[in-house]
mmCIF file of all heavy atoms, coordinates in Angstrom:
data_MODEL
# 
_entry.id   MODEL 
# 
loop_
_atom_site.group_PDB 
_atom_site.id 
_atom_site.type_symbol 
_atom_site.label_atom_id 
_atom_site.label_alt_id 
_atom_site.label_comp_id 
_atom_site.label_asym_id 
_atom_site.label_entity_id 
_atom_site.label_seq_id 
_atom_site.pdbx_PDB_ins_code 
_atom_site.Cartn_x 
_atom_site.Cartn_y 
_atom_site.Cartn_z 
_atom_site.occupancy 
_atom_site.B_iso_or_equiv 
_atom_site.pdbx_formal_charge 
_atom_site.auth_seq_id 
_atom_site.auth_comp_id 
_atom_site.auth_asym_id 
_atom_site.auth_atom_id 
_atom_site.pdbx_PDB_model_num 
ATOM 1   N N   . GLY A 1 1  ? 13.066  -3.864  -0.797  1.00 0.00 ? 1  GLY A N   1 
ATOM 2   C CA  . GLY A 1 1  ? 13.904  -2.673  -0.896  1.00 0.00 ? 1  GLY A CA  1 
ATOM 3   C C   . GLY A 1 1  ? 13.087  -1.404  -0.863  1.00 0.00 ? 1  GLY A C   1 
ATOM 4   O O   . GLY A 1 1  ? 13.336  -0.480  -1.627  1.00 0.00 ? 1  GLY A O   1 
ATOM 5   N N   . ALA A 1 2  ? 12.084  -1.348  0.020   1.00 0.00 ? 2  ALA A N   1 
ATOM 6   C CA  . ALA A 1 2  ? 11.175  -0.200  0.067   1.00 0.00 ? 2  ALA A CA  1 
ATOM 7   C C   . ALA A 1 2  ? 10.824  0.151   1.508   1.00 0.00 ? 2  ALA A C   1 
ATOM 8   O O   . ALA A 1 2  ? 10.959  -0.669  2.413   1.00 0.00 ? 2  ALA A O   1 
ATOM 9   C CB  . ALA A 1 2  ? 9.896   -0.512  -0.701  1.00 0.00 ? 2  ALA A CB  1 
ATOM 10  N N   . ALA A 1 3  ? 10.361  1.370   1.702   1.00 0.00 ? 3  ALA A N   1 
ATOM 11  C CA  . ALA A 1 3  ? 9.815   1.818   2.974   1.00 0.00 ? 3  ALA A CA  1 
ATOM 12  C C   . ALA A 1 3  ? 8.414   2.336   2.692   1.00 0.00 ? 3  ALA A C   1 
ATOM 13  O O   . ALA A 1 3  ? 8.223   3.156   1.787   1.00 0.00 ? 3  ALA A O   1 
ATOM 14  C CB  . ALA A 1 3  ? 10.677  2.921   3.585   1.00 0.00 ? 3  ALA A CB  1 
ATOM 15  N N   . VAL A 1 4  ? 7.428   1.811   3.421   1.00 0.00 ? 4  VAL A N   1 
ATOM 16  C CA  . VAL A 1 4  ? 6.035   2.161   3.168   1.00 0.00 ? 4  VAL A CA  1 
ATOM 17  C C   . VAL A 1 4  ? 5.297   2.413   4.470   1.00 0.00 ? 4  VAL A C   1 
ATOM 18  O O   . VAL A 1 4  ? 5.666   1.911   5.524   1.00 0.00 ? 4  VAL A O   1 
ATOM 19  C CB  . VAL A 1 4  ? 5.306   1.044   2.379   1.00 0.00 ? 4  VAL A CB  1 
ATOM 20  C CG1 . VAL A 1 4  ? 5.984   0.774   1.069   1.00 0.00 ? 4  VAL A CG1 1 
ATOM 21  C CG2 . VAL A 1 4  ? 5.219   -0.232  3.185   1.00 0.00 ? 4  VAL A CG2 1 
ATOM 22  N N   . SER A 1 5  ? 4.241   3.186   4.357   1.00 0.00 ? 5  SER A N   1 
ATOM 23  C CA  . SER A 1 5  ? 3.320   3.426   5.458   1.00 0.00 ? 5  SER A CA  1 
ATOM 24  C C   . SER A 1 5  ? 1.970   2.863   5.034   1.00 0.00 ? 5  SER A C   1 
ATOM 25  O O   . SER A 1 5  ? 1.469   3.193   3.957   1.00 0.00 ? 5  SER A O   1 
ATOM 26  C CB  . SER A 1 5  ? 3.208   4.928   5.724   1.00 0.00 ? 5  SER A CB  1 
ATOM 27  O OG  . SER A 1 5  ? 2.186   5.178   6.665   1.00 0.00 ? 5  SER A OG  1 
ATOM 28  N N   . VAL A 1 6  ? 1.393   1.994   5.882   1.00 0.00 ? 6  VAL A N   1 
ATOM 29  C CA  . VAL A 1 6  ? 0.108   1.378   5.574   1.00 0.00 ? 6  VAL A CA  1 
ATOM 30  C C   . VAL A 1 6  ? -0.842  1.658   6.720   1.00 0.00 ? 6  VAL A C   1 
ATOM 31  O O   . VAL A 1 6  ? -0.513  1.413   7.883   1.00 0.00 ? 6  VAL A O   1 
ATOM 32  C CB  . VAL A 1 6  ? 0.237   -0.156  5.399   1.00 0.00 ? 6  VAL A CB  1 
ATOM 33  C CG1 . VAL A 1 6  ? -1.109  -0.768  5.066   1.00 0.00 ? 6  VAL A CG1 1 
ATOM 34  C CG2 . VAL A 1 6  ? 1.261   -0.494  4.337   1.00 0.00 ? 6  VAL A CG2 1 
ATOM 35  N N   . GLY A 1 7  ? -2.005  2.191   6.396   1.00 0.00 ? 7  GLY A N   1 
ATOM 36  C CA  . GLY A 1 7  ? -3.028  2.440   7.399   1.00 0.00 ? 7  GLY A CA  1 
ATOM 37  C C   . GLY A 1 7  ? -4.324  1.782   6.983   1.00 0.00 ? 7  GLY A C   1 
ATOM 38  O O   . GLY A 1 7  ? -4.681  1.789   5.805   1.00 0.00 ? 7  GLY A O   1 
ATOM 39  N N   . ALA A 1 8  ? -5.010  1.154   7.941   1.00 0.00 ? 8  ALA A N   1 
ATOM 40  C CA  . ALA A 1 8  ? -6.288  0.501   7.653   1.00 0.00 ? 8  ALA A CA  1 
ATOM 41  C C   . ALA A 1 8  ? -7.342  1.016   8.622   1.00 0.00 ? 8  ALA A C   1 
ATOM 42  O O   . ALA A 1 8  ? -7.060  1.228   9.797   1.00 0.00 ? 8  ALA A O   1 
ATOM 43  C CB  . ALA A 1 8  ? -6.158  -1.009  7.779   1.00 0.00 ? 8  ALA A CB  1 
ATOM 44  N N   . SER A 1 9  ? -8.538  1.239   8.094   1.00 0.00 ? 9  SER A N   1 
ATOM 45  C CA  . SER A 1 9  ? -9.660  1.670   8.918   1.00 0.00 ? 9  SER A CA  1 
ATOM 46  C C   . SER A 1 9  ? -10.927 1.098   8.312   1.00 0.00 ? 9  SER A C   1 
ATOM 47  O O   . SER A 1 9  ? -10.875 0.373   7.320   1.00 0.00 ? 9  SER A O   1 
ATOM 48  C CB  . SER A 1 9  ? -9.735  3.199   8.960   1.00 0.00 ? 9  SER A CB  1 
ATOM 49  O OG  . SER A 1 9  ? -10.076 3.701   7.679   1.00 0.00 ? 9  SER A OG  1 
ATOM 50  N N   . GLU A 1 10 ? -12.054 1.421   8.885   1.00 0.00 ? 10 GLU A N   1 
ATOM 51  C CA  . GLU A 1 10 ? -13.322 0.959   8.332   1.00 0.00 ? 10 GLU A CA  1 
ATOM 52  C C   . GLU A 1 10 ? -13.537 1.465   6.913   1.00 0.00 ? 10 GLU A C   1 
ATOM 53  O O   . GLU A 1 10 ? -14.227 0.853   6.120   1.00 0.00 ? 10 GLU A O   1 
ATOM 54  C CB  . GLU A 1 10 ? -14.478 1.394   9.225   1.00 0.00 ? 10 GLU A CB  1 
ATOM 55  C CG  . GLU A 1 10 ? -14.518 0.667   10.550  1.00 0.00 ? 10 GLU A CG  1 
ATOM 56  C CD  . GLU A 1 10 ? -15.679 1.128   11.409  1.00 0.00 ? 10 GLU A CD  1 
ATOM 57  O OE1 . GLU A 1 10 ? -16.656 1.657   10.866  1.00 0.00 ? 10 GLU A OE1 1 
ATOM 58  O OE2 . GLU A 1 10 ? -15.590 0.942   12.630  1.00 0.00 ? 10 GLU A OE2 1 
ATOM 59  N N   . GLY A 1 11 ? -12.926 2.602   6.574   1.00 0.00 ? 11 GLY A N   1 
ATOM 60  C CA  . GLY A 1 11 ? -13.074 3.190   5.250   1.00 0.00 ? 11 GLY A CA  1 
ATOM 61  C C   . GLY A 1 11 ? -12.196 2.544   4.193   1.00 0.00 ? 11 GLY A C   1 
ATOM 62  O O   . GLY A 1 11 ? -12.371 2.788   3.010   1.00 0.00 ? 11 GLY A O   1 
ATOM 63  N N   . GLY A 1 12 ? -11.228 1.722   4.603   1.00 0.00 ? 12 GLY A N   1 
ATOM 64  C CA  . GLY A 1 12 ? -10.358 1.063   3.643   1.00 0.00 ? 12 GLY A CA  1 
ATOM 65  C C   . GLY A 1 12 ? -8.905  1.133   4.038   1.00 0.00 ? 12 GLY A C   1 
ATOM 66  O O   . GLY A 1 12 ? -8.572  1.294   5.209   1.00 0.00 ? 12 GLY A O   1 
ATOM 67  N N   . VAL A 1 13 ? -8.048  1.011   3.050   1.00 0.00 ? 13 VAL A N   1 
ATOM 68  C CA  . VAL A 1 13 ? -6.606  0.960   3.262   1.00 0.00 ? 13 VAL A CA  1 
ATOM 69  C C   . VAL A 1 13 ? -5.946  2.083   2.474   1.00 0.00 ? 13 VAL A C   1 
ATOM 70  O O   . VAL A 1 13 ? -6.350  2.372   1.350   1.00 0.00 ? 13 VAL A O   1 
ATOM 71  C CB  . VAL A 1 13 ? -6.039  -0.402  2.774   1.00 0.00 ? 13 VAL A CB  1 
ATOM 72  C CG1 . VAL A 1 13 ? -4.536  -0.447  2.901   1.00 0.00 ? 13 VAL A CG1 1 
ATOM 73  C CG2 . VAL A 1 13 ? -6.693  -1.542  3.531   1.00 0.00 ? 13 VAL A CG2 1 
ATOM 74  N N   . GLU A 1 14 ? -4.924  2.704   3.083   1.00 0.00 ? 14 GLU A N   1 
ATOM 75  C CA  . GLU A 1 14 ? -4.139  3.708   2.379   1.00 0.00 ? 14 GLU A CA  1 
ATOM 76  C C   . GLU A 1 14 ? -2.674  3.332   2.510   1.00 0.00 ? 14 GLU A C   1 
ATOM 77  O O   . GLU A 1 14 ? -2.185  3.066   3.606   1.00 0.00 ? 14 GLU A O   1 
ATOM 78  C CB  . GLU A 1 14 ? -4.373  5.099   2.942   1.00 0.00 ? 14 GLU A CB  1 
ATOM 79  C CG  . GLU A 1 14 ? -3.585  6.170   2.186   1.00 0.00 ? 14 GLU A CG  1 
ATOM 80  C CD  . GLU A 1 14 ? -3.942  7.560   2.624   1.00 0.00 ? 14 GLU A CD  1 
ATOM 81  O OE1 . GLU A 1 14 ? -5.057  8.015   2.299   1.00 0.00 ? 14 GLU A OE1 1 
ATOM 82  O OE2 . GLU A 1 14 ? -3.101  8.195   3.287   1.00 0.00 ? 14 GLU A OE2 1 
ATOM 83  N N   . LEU A 1 15 ? -1.991  3.286   1.388   1.00 0.00 ? 15 LEU A N   1 
ATOM 84  C CA  . LEU A 1 15 ? -0.578  2.951   1.325   1.00 0.00 ? 15 LEU A CA  1 
ATOM 85  C C   . LEU A 1 15 ? 0.167   4.155   0.772   1.00 0.00 ? 15 LEU A C   1 
ATOM 86  O O   . LEU A 1 15 ? -0.220  4.693   -0.263  1.00 0.00 ? 15 LEU A O   1 
ATOM 87  C CB  . LEU A 1 15 ? -0.362  1.758   0.394   1.00 0.00 ? 15 LEU A CB  1 
ATOM 88  C CG  . LEU A 1 15 ? 1.079   1.489   -0.027  1.00 0.00 ? 15 LEU A CG  1 
ATOM 89  C CD1 . LEU A 1 15 ? 1.800   0.735   1.077   1.00 0.00 ? 15 LEU A CD1 1 
ATOM 90  C CD2 . LEU A 1 15 ? 1.115   0.702   -1.315  1.00 0.00 ? 15 LEU A CD2 1 
ATOM 91  N N   . TYR A 1 16 ? 1.218   4.578   1.472   1.00 0.00 ? 16 TYR A N   1 
ATOM 92  C CA  . TYR A 1 16 ? 2.096   5.641   0.978   1.00 0.00 ? 16 TYR A CA  1 
ATOM 93  C C   . TYR A 1 16 ? 3.491   5.056   0.872   1.00 0.00 ? 16 TYR A C   1 
ATOM 94  O O   . TYR A 1 16 ? 4.020   4.504   1.840   1.00 0.00 ? 16 TYR A O   1 
ATOM 95  C CB  . TYR A 1 16 ? 2.100   6.843   1.918   1.00 0.00 ? 16 TYR A CB  1 
ATOM 96  C CG  . TYR A 1 16 ? 3.098   7.896   1.501   1.00 0.00 ? 16 TYR A CG  1 
ATOM 97  C CD1 . TYR A 1 16 ? 2.881   8.670   0.368   1.00 0.00 ? 16 TYR A CD1 1 
ATOM 98  C CD2 . TYR A 1 16 ? 4.278   8.097   2.217   1.00 0.00 ? 16 TYR A CD2 1 
ATOM 99  C CE1 . TYR A 1 16 ? 3.811   9.631   -0.036  1.00 0.00 ? 16 TYR A CE1 1 
ATOM 100 C CE2 . TYR A 1 16 ? 5.200   9.054   1.818   1.00 0.00 ? 16 TYR A CE2 1 
ATOM 101 C CZ  . TYR A 1 16 ? 4.962   9.809   0.690   1.00 0.00 ? 16 TYR A CZ  1 
ATOM 102 O OH  . TYR A 1 16 ? 5.878   10.743  0.283   1.00 0.00 ? 16 TYR A OH  1 
ATOM 103 N N   . VAL A 1 17 ? 4.101   5.164   -0.300  1.00 0.00 ? 17 VAL A N   1 
ATOM 104 C CA  . VAL A 1 17 ? 5.440   4.631   -0.514  1.00 0.00 ? 17 VAL A CA  1 
ATOM 105 C C   . VAL A 1 17 ? 6.449   5.746   -0.276  1.00 0.00 ? 17 VAL A C   1 
ATOM 106 O O   . VAL A 1 17 ? 6.461   6.752   -0.988  1.00 0.00 ? 17 VAL A O   1 
ATOM 107 C CB  . VAL A 1 17 ? 5.593   4.043   -1.939  1.00 0.00 ? 17 VAL A CB  1 
ATOM 108 C CG1 . VAL A 1 17 ? 6.988   3.487   -2.134  1.00 0.00 ? 17 VAL A CG1 1 
ATOM 109 C CG2 . VAL A 1 17 ? 4.546   2.964   -2.175  1.00 0.00 ? 17 VAL A CG2 1 
ATOM 110 N N   . VAL A 1 18 ? 7.281   5.561   0.743   1.00 0.00 ? 18 VAL A N   1 
ATOM 111 C CA  . VAL A 1 18 ? 8.290   6.544   1.109   1.00 0.00 ? 18 VAL A CA  1 
ATOM 112 C C   . VAL A 1 18 ? 9.529   6.377   0.237   1.00 0.00 ? 18 VAL A C   1 
ATOM 113 O O   . VAL A 1 18 ? 10.096  7.348   -0.257  1.00 0.00 ? 18 VAL A O   1 
ATOM 114 C CB  . VAL A 1 18 ? 8.674   6.393   2.602   1.00 0.00 ? 18 VAL A CB  1 
ATOM 115 C CG1 . VAL A 1 18 ? 9.784   7.364   2.986   1.00 0.00 ? 18 VAL A CG1 1 
ATOM 116 C CG2 . VAL A 1 18 ? 7.456   6.568   3.492   1.00 0.00 ? 18 VAL A CG2 1 
ATOM 117 N N   . ARG A 1 19 ? 9.949   5.115   0.046   1.00 0.00 ? 19 ARG A N   1 
ATOM 118 C CA  . ARG A 1 19 ? 11.156  4.817   -0.720  1.00 0.00 ? 19 ARG A CA  1 
ATOM 119 C C   . ARG A 1 19 ? 10.930  3.520   -1.485  1.00 0.00 ? 19 ARG A C   1 
ATOM 120 O O   . ARG A 1 19 ? 10.309  2.592   -0.984  1.00 0.00 ? 19 ARG A O   1 
ATOM 121 C CB  . ARG A 1 19 ? 12.332  4.646   0.244   1.00 0.00 ? 19 ARG A CB  1 
ATOM 122 C CG  . ARG A 1 19 ? 13.628  4.207   -0.394  1.00 0.00 ? 19 ARG A CG  1 
ATOM 123 C CD  . ARG A 1 19 ? 14.756  4.053   0.627   1.00 0.00 ? 19 ARG A CD  1 
ATOM 124 N NE  . ARG A 1 19 ? 14.428  3.313   1.817   1.00 0.00 ? 19 ARG A NE  1 
ATOM 125 C CZ  . ARG A 1 19 ? 14.408  1.978   1.921   1.00 0.00 ? 19 ARG A CZ  1 
ATOM 126 N NH1 . ARG A 1 19 ? 14.674  1.229   0.879   1.00 0.00 ? 19 ARG A NH1 1 
ATOM 127 N NH2 . ARG A 1 19 ? 14.118  1.408   3.062   1.00 0.00 ? 19 ARG A NH2 1 
ATOM 128 N N   . GLY A 1 20 ? 11.420  3.449   -2.707  1.00 0.00 ? 20 GLY A N   1 
ATOM 129 C CA  . GLY A 1 20 ? 11.309  2.226   -3.507  1.00 0.00 ? 20 GLY A CA  1 
ATOM 130 C C   . GLY A 1 20 ? 9.956   2.112   -4.184  1.00 0.00 ? 20 GLY A C   1 
ATOM 131 O O   . GLY A 1 20 ? 9.337   3.118   -4.537  1.00 0.00 ? 20 GLY A O   1 
ATOM 132 N N   . GLU A 1 21 ? 9.494   0.862   -4.334  1.00 0.00 ? 21 GLU A N   1 
ATOM 133 C CA  . GLU A 1 21 ? 8.194   0.629   -4.944  1.00 0.00 ? 21 GLU A CA  1 
ATOM 134 C C   . GLU A 1 21 ? 7.557   -0.623  -4.364  1.00 0.00 ? 21 GLU A C   1 
ATOM 135 O O   . GLU A 1 21 ? 8.241   -1.504  -3.846  1.00 0.00 ? 21 GLU A O   1 
ATOM 136 C CB  . GLU A 1 21 ? 8.292   0.531   -6.462  1.00 0.00 ? 21 GLU A CB  1 
ATOM 137 C CG  . GLU A 1 21 ? 9.164   -0.582  -6.981  1.00 0.00 ? 21 GLU A CG  1 
ATOM 138 C CD  . GLU A 1 21 ? 9.295   -0.558  -8.499  1.00 0.00 ? 21 GLU A CD  1 
ATOM 139 O OE1 . GLU A 1 21 ? 9.358   0.531   -9.090  1.00 0.00 ? 21 GLU A OE1 1 
ATOM 140 O OE2 . GLU A 1 21 ? 9.333   -1.654  -9.078  1.00 0.00 ? 21 GLU A OE2 1 
ATOM 141 N N   . VAL A 1 22 ? 6.237   -0.668  -4.463  1.00 0.00 ? 22 VAL A N   1 
ATOM 142 C CA  . VAL A 1 22 ? 5.448   -1.774  -3.922  1.00 0.00 ? 22 VAL A CA  1 
ATOM 143 C C   . VAL A 1 22 ? 4.520   -2.265  -5.025  1.00 0.00 ? 22 VAL A C   1 
ATOM 144 O O   . VAL A 1 22 ? 3.865   -1.460  -5.693  1.00 0.00 ? 22 VAL A O   1 
ATOM 145 C CB  . VAL A 1 22 ? 4.612   -1.309  -2.704  1.00 0.00 ? 22 VAL A CB  1 
ATOM 146 C CG1 . VAL A 1 22 ? 3.691   -2.396  -2.212  1.00 0.00 ? 22 VAL A CG1 1 
ATOM 147 C CG2 . VAL A 1 22 ? 5.534   -0.824  -1.591  1.00 0.00 ? 22 VAL A CG2 1 
ATOM 148 N N   . SER A 1 23 ? 4.463   -3.570  -5.208  1.00 0.00 ? 23 SER A N   1 
ATOM 149 C CA  . SER A 1 23 ? 3.503   -4.121  -6.163  1.00 0.00 ? 23 SER A CA  1 
ATOM 150 C C   . SER A 1 23 ? 2.252   -4.512  -5.392  1.00 0.00 ? 23 SER A C   1 
ATOM 151 O O   . SER A 1 23 ? 2.313   -4.845  -4.203  1.00 0.00 ? 23 SER A O   1 
ATOM 152 C CB  . SER A 1 23 ? 4.086   -5.320  -6.915  1.00 0.00 ? 23 SER A CB  1 
ATOM 153 O OG  . SER A 1 23 ? 4.409   -6.360  -6.024  1.00 0.00 ? 23 SER A OG  1 
ATOM 154 N N   . TYR A 1 24 ? 1.116   -4.441  -6.068  1.00 0.00 ? 24 TYR A N   1 
ATOM 155 C CA  . TYR A 1 24 ? -0.139  -4.789  -5.402  1.00 0.00 ? 24 TYR A CA  1 
ATOM 156 C C   . TYR A 1 24 ? -1.015  -5.626  -6.320  1.00 0.00 ? 24 TYR A C   1 
ATOM 157 O O   . TYR A 1 24 ? -0.884  -5.610  -7.532  1.00 0.00 ? 24 TYR A O   1 
ATOM 158 C CB  . TYR A 1 24 ? -0.893  -3.539  -4.940  1.00 0.00 ? 24 TYR A CB  1 
ATOM 159 C CG  . TYR A 1 24 ? -1.483  -2.719  -6.059  1.00 0.00 ? 24 TYR A CG  1 
ATOM 160 C CD1 . TYR A 1 24 ? -2.771  -2.967  -6.521  1.00 0.00 ? 24 TYR A CD1 1 
ATOM 161 C CD2 . TYR A 1 24 ? -0.757  -1.700  -6.652  1.00 0.00 ? 24 TYR A CD2 1 
ATOM 162 C CE1 . TYR A 1 24 ? -3.316  -2.217  -7.555  1.00 0.00 ? 24 TYR A CE1 1 
ATOM 163 C CE2 . TYR A 1 24 ? -1.284  -0.953  -7.678  1.00 0.00 ? 24 TYR A CE2 1 
ATOM 164 C CZ  . TYR A 1 24 ? -2.561  -1.214  -8.128  1.00 0.00 ? 24 TYR A CZ  1 
ATOM 165 O OH  . TYR A 1 24 ? -3.090  -0.470  -9.151  1.00 0.00 ? 24 TYR A OH  1 
ATOM 166 N N   . ARG A 1 25 ? -1.915  -6.362  -5.675  1.00 0.00 ? 25 ARG A N   1 
ATOM 167 C CA  . ARG A 1 25 ? -2.929  -7.129  -6.395  1.00 0.00 ? 25 ARG A CA  1 
ATOM 168 C C   . ARG A 1 25 ? -4.215  -7.051  -5.581  1.00 0.00 ? 25 ARG A C   1 
ATOM 169 O O   . ARG A 1 25 ? -4.207  -7.244  -4.368  1.00 0.00 ? 25 ARG A O   1 
ATOM 170 C CB  . ARG A 1 25 ? -2.506  -8.584  -6.551  1.00 0.00 ? 25 ARG A CB  1 
ATOM 171 C CG  . ARG A 1 25 ? -3.522  -9.373  -7.386  1.00 0.00 ? 25 ARG A CG  1 
ATOM 172 C CD  . ARG A 1 25 ? -3.109  -10.801 -7.538  1.00 0.00 ? 25 ARG A CD  1 
ATOM 173 N NE  . ARG A 1 25 ? -3.441  -11.456 -6.279  1.00 0.00 ? 25 ARG A NE  1 
ATOM 174 C CZ  . ARG A 1 25 ? -2.869  -12.553 -5.830  1.00 0.00 ? 25 ARG A CZ  1 
ATOM 175 N NH1 . ARG A 1 25 ? -1.907  -13.126 -6.495  1.00 0.00 ? 25 ARG A NH1 1 
ATOM 176 N NH2 . ARG A 1 25 ? -3.240  -13.079 -4.695  1.00 0.00 ? 25 ARG A NH2 1 
ATOM 177 N N   . GLU A 1 26 ? -5.298  -6.727  -6.257  1.00 0.00 ? 26 GLU A N   1 
ATOM 178 C CA  . GLU A 1 26 ? -6.621  -6.708  -5.635  1.00 0.00 ? 26 GLU A CA  1 
ATOM 179 C C   . GLU A 1 26 ? -7.592  -7.230  -6.674  1.00 0.00 ? 26 GLU A C   1 
ATOM 180 O O   . GLU A 1 26 ? -7.907  -6.541  -7.645  1.00 0.00 ? 26 GLU A O   1 
ATOM 181 C CB  . GLU A 1 26 ? -6.997  -5.299  -5.183  1.00 0.00 ? 26 GLU A CB  1 
ATOM 182 C CG  . GLU A 1 26 ? -8.297  -5.284  -4.398  1.00 0.00 ? 26 GLU A CG  1 
ATOM 183 C CD  . GLU A 1 26 ? -8.571  -3.949  -3.761  1.00 0.00 ? 26 GLU A CD  1 
ATOM 184 O OE1 . GLU A 1 26 ? -8.034  -2.926  -4.208  1.00 0.00 ? 26 GLU A OE1 1 
ATOM 185 O OE2 . GLU A 1 26 ? -9.344  -3.935  -2.800  1.00 0.00 ? 26 GLU A OE2 1 
ATOM 186 N N   . GLY A 1 27 ? -8.007  -8.486  -6.493  1.00 0.00 ? 27 GLY A N   1 
ATOM 187 C CA  . GLY A 1 27 ? -8.848  -9.110  -7.506  1.00 0.00 ? 27 GLY A CA  1 
ATOM 188 C C   . GLY A 1 27 ? -8.091  -9.242  -8.804  1.00 0.00 ? 27 GLY A C   1 
ATOM 189 O O   . GLY A 1 27 ? -6.976  -9.758  -8.832  1.00 0.00 ? 27 GLY A O   1 
ATOM 190 N N   . ASP A 1 28 ? -8.650  -8.724  -9.889  1.00 0.00 ? 28 ASP A N   1 
ATOM 191 C CA  . ASP A 1 28 ? -7.995  -8.774  -11.199 1.00 0.00 ? 28 ASP A CA  1 
ATOM 192 C C   . ASP A 1 28 ? -7.075  -7.585  -11.448 1.00 0.00 ? 28 ASP A C   1 
ATOM 193 O O   . ASP A 1 28 ? -6.425  -7.523  -12.484 1.00 0.00 ? 28 ASP A O   1 
ATOM 194 C CB  . ASP A 1 28 ? -9.055  -8.812  -12.312 1.00 0.00 ? 28 ASP A CB  1 
ATOM 195 C CG  . ASP A 1 28 ? -9.843  -10.106 -12.300 1.00 0.00 ? 28 ASP A CG  1 
ATOM 196 O OD1 . ASP A 1 28 ? -9.316  -11.120 -11.807 1.00 0.00 ? 28 ASP A OD1 1 
ATOM 197 O OD2 . ASP A 1 28 ? -10.995 -10.104 -12.780 1.00 0.00 ? 28 ASP A OD2 1 
ATOM 198 N N   . HIS A 1 29 ? -7.026  -6.646  -10.518 1.00 0.00 ? 29 HIS A N   1 
ATOM 199 C CA  . HIS A 1 29 ? -6.208  -5.437  -10.687 1.00 0.00 ? 29 HIS A CA  1 
ATOM 200 C C   . HIS A 1 29 ? -4.823  -5.650  -10.091 1.00 0.00 ? 29 HIS A C   1 
ATOM 201 O O   . HIS A 1 29 ? -4.694  -6.098  -8.961  1.00 0.00 ? 29 HIS A O   1 
ATOM 202 C CB  . HIS A 1 29 ? -6.877  -4.227  -10.022 1.00 0.00 ? 29 HIS A CB  1 
ATOM 203 C CG  . HIS A 1 29 ? -8.227  -3.927  -10.568 1.00 0.00 ? 29 HIS A CG  1 
ATOM 204 N ND1 . HIS A 1 29 ? -8.417  -3.301  -11.773 1.00 0.00 ? 29 HIS A ND1 1 
ATOM 205 C CD2 . HIS A 1 29 ? -9.456  -4.195  -10.083 1.00 0.00 ? 29 HIS A CD2 1 
ATOM 206 C CE1 . HIS A 1 29 ? -9.718  -3.188  -12.005 1.00 0.00 ? 29 HIS A CE1 1 
ATOM 207 N NE2 . HIS A 1 29 ? -10.365 -3.728  -10.991 1.00 0.00 ? 29 HIS A NE2 1 
# 
């Protein structure tokens, strides 16, 4: 139930949440 923009490059990943919410997991975080 969300709209998101995800961009990936050599520098990493950037996520912008336009509508709703997104859960994330990266290692222990």
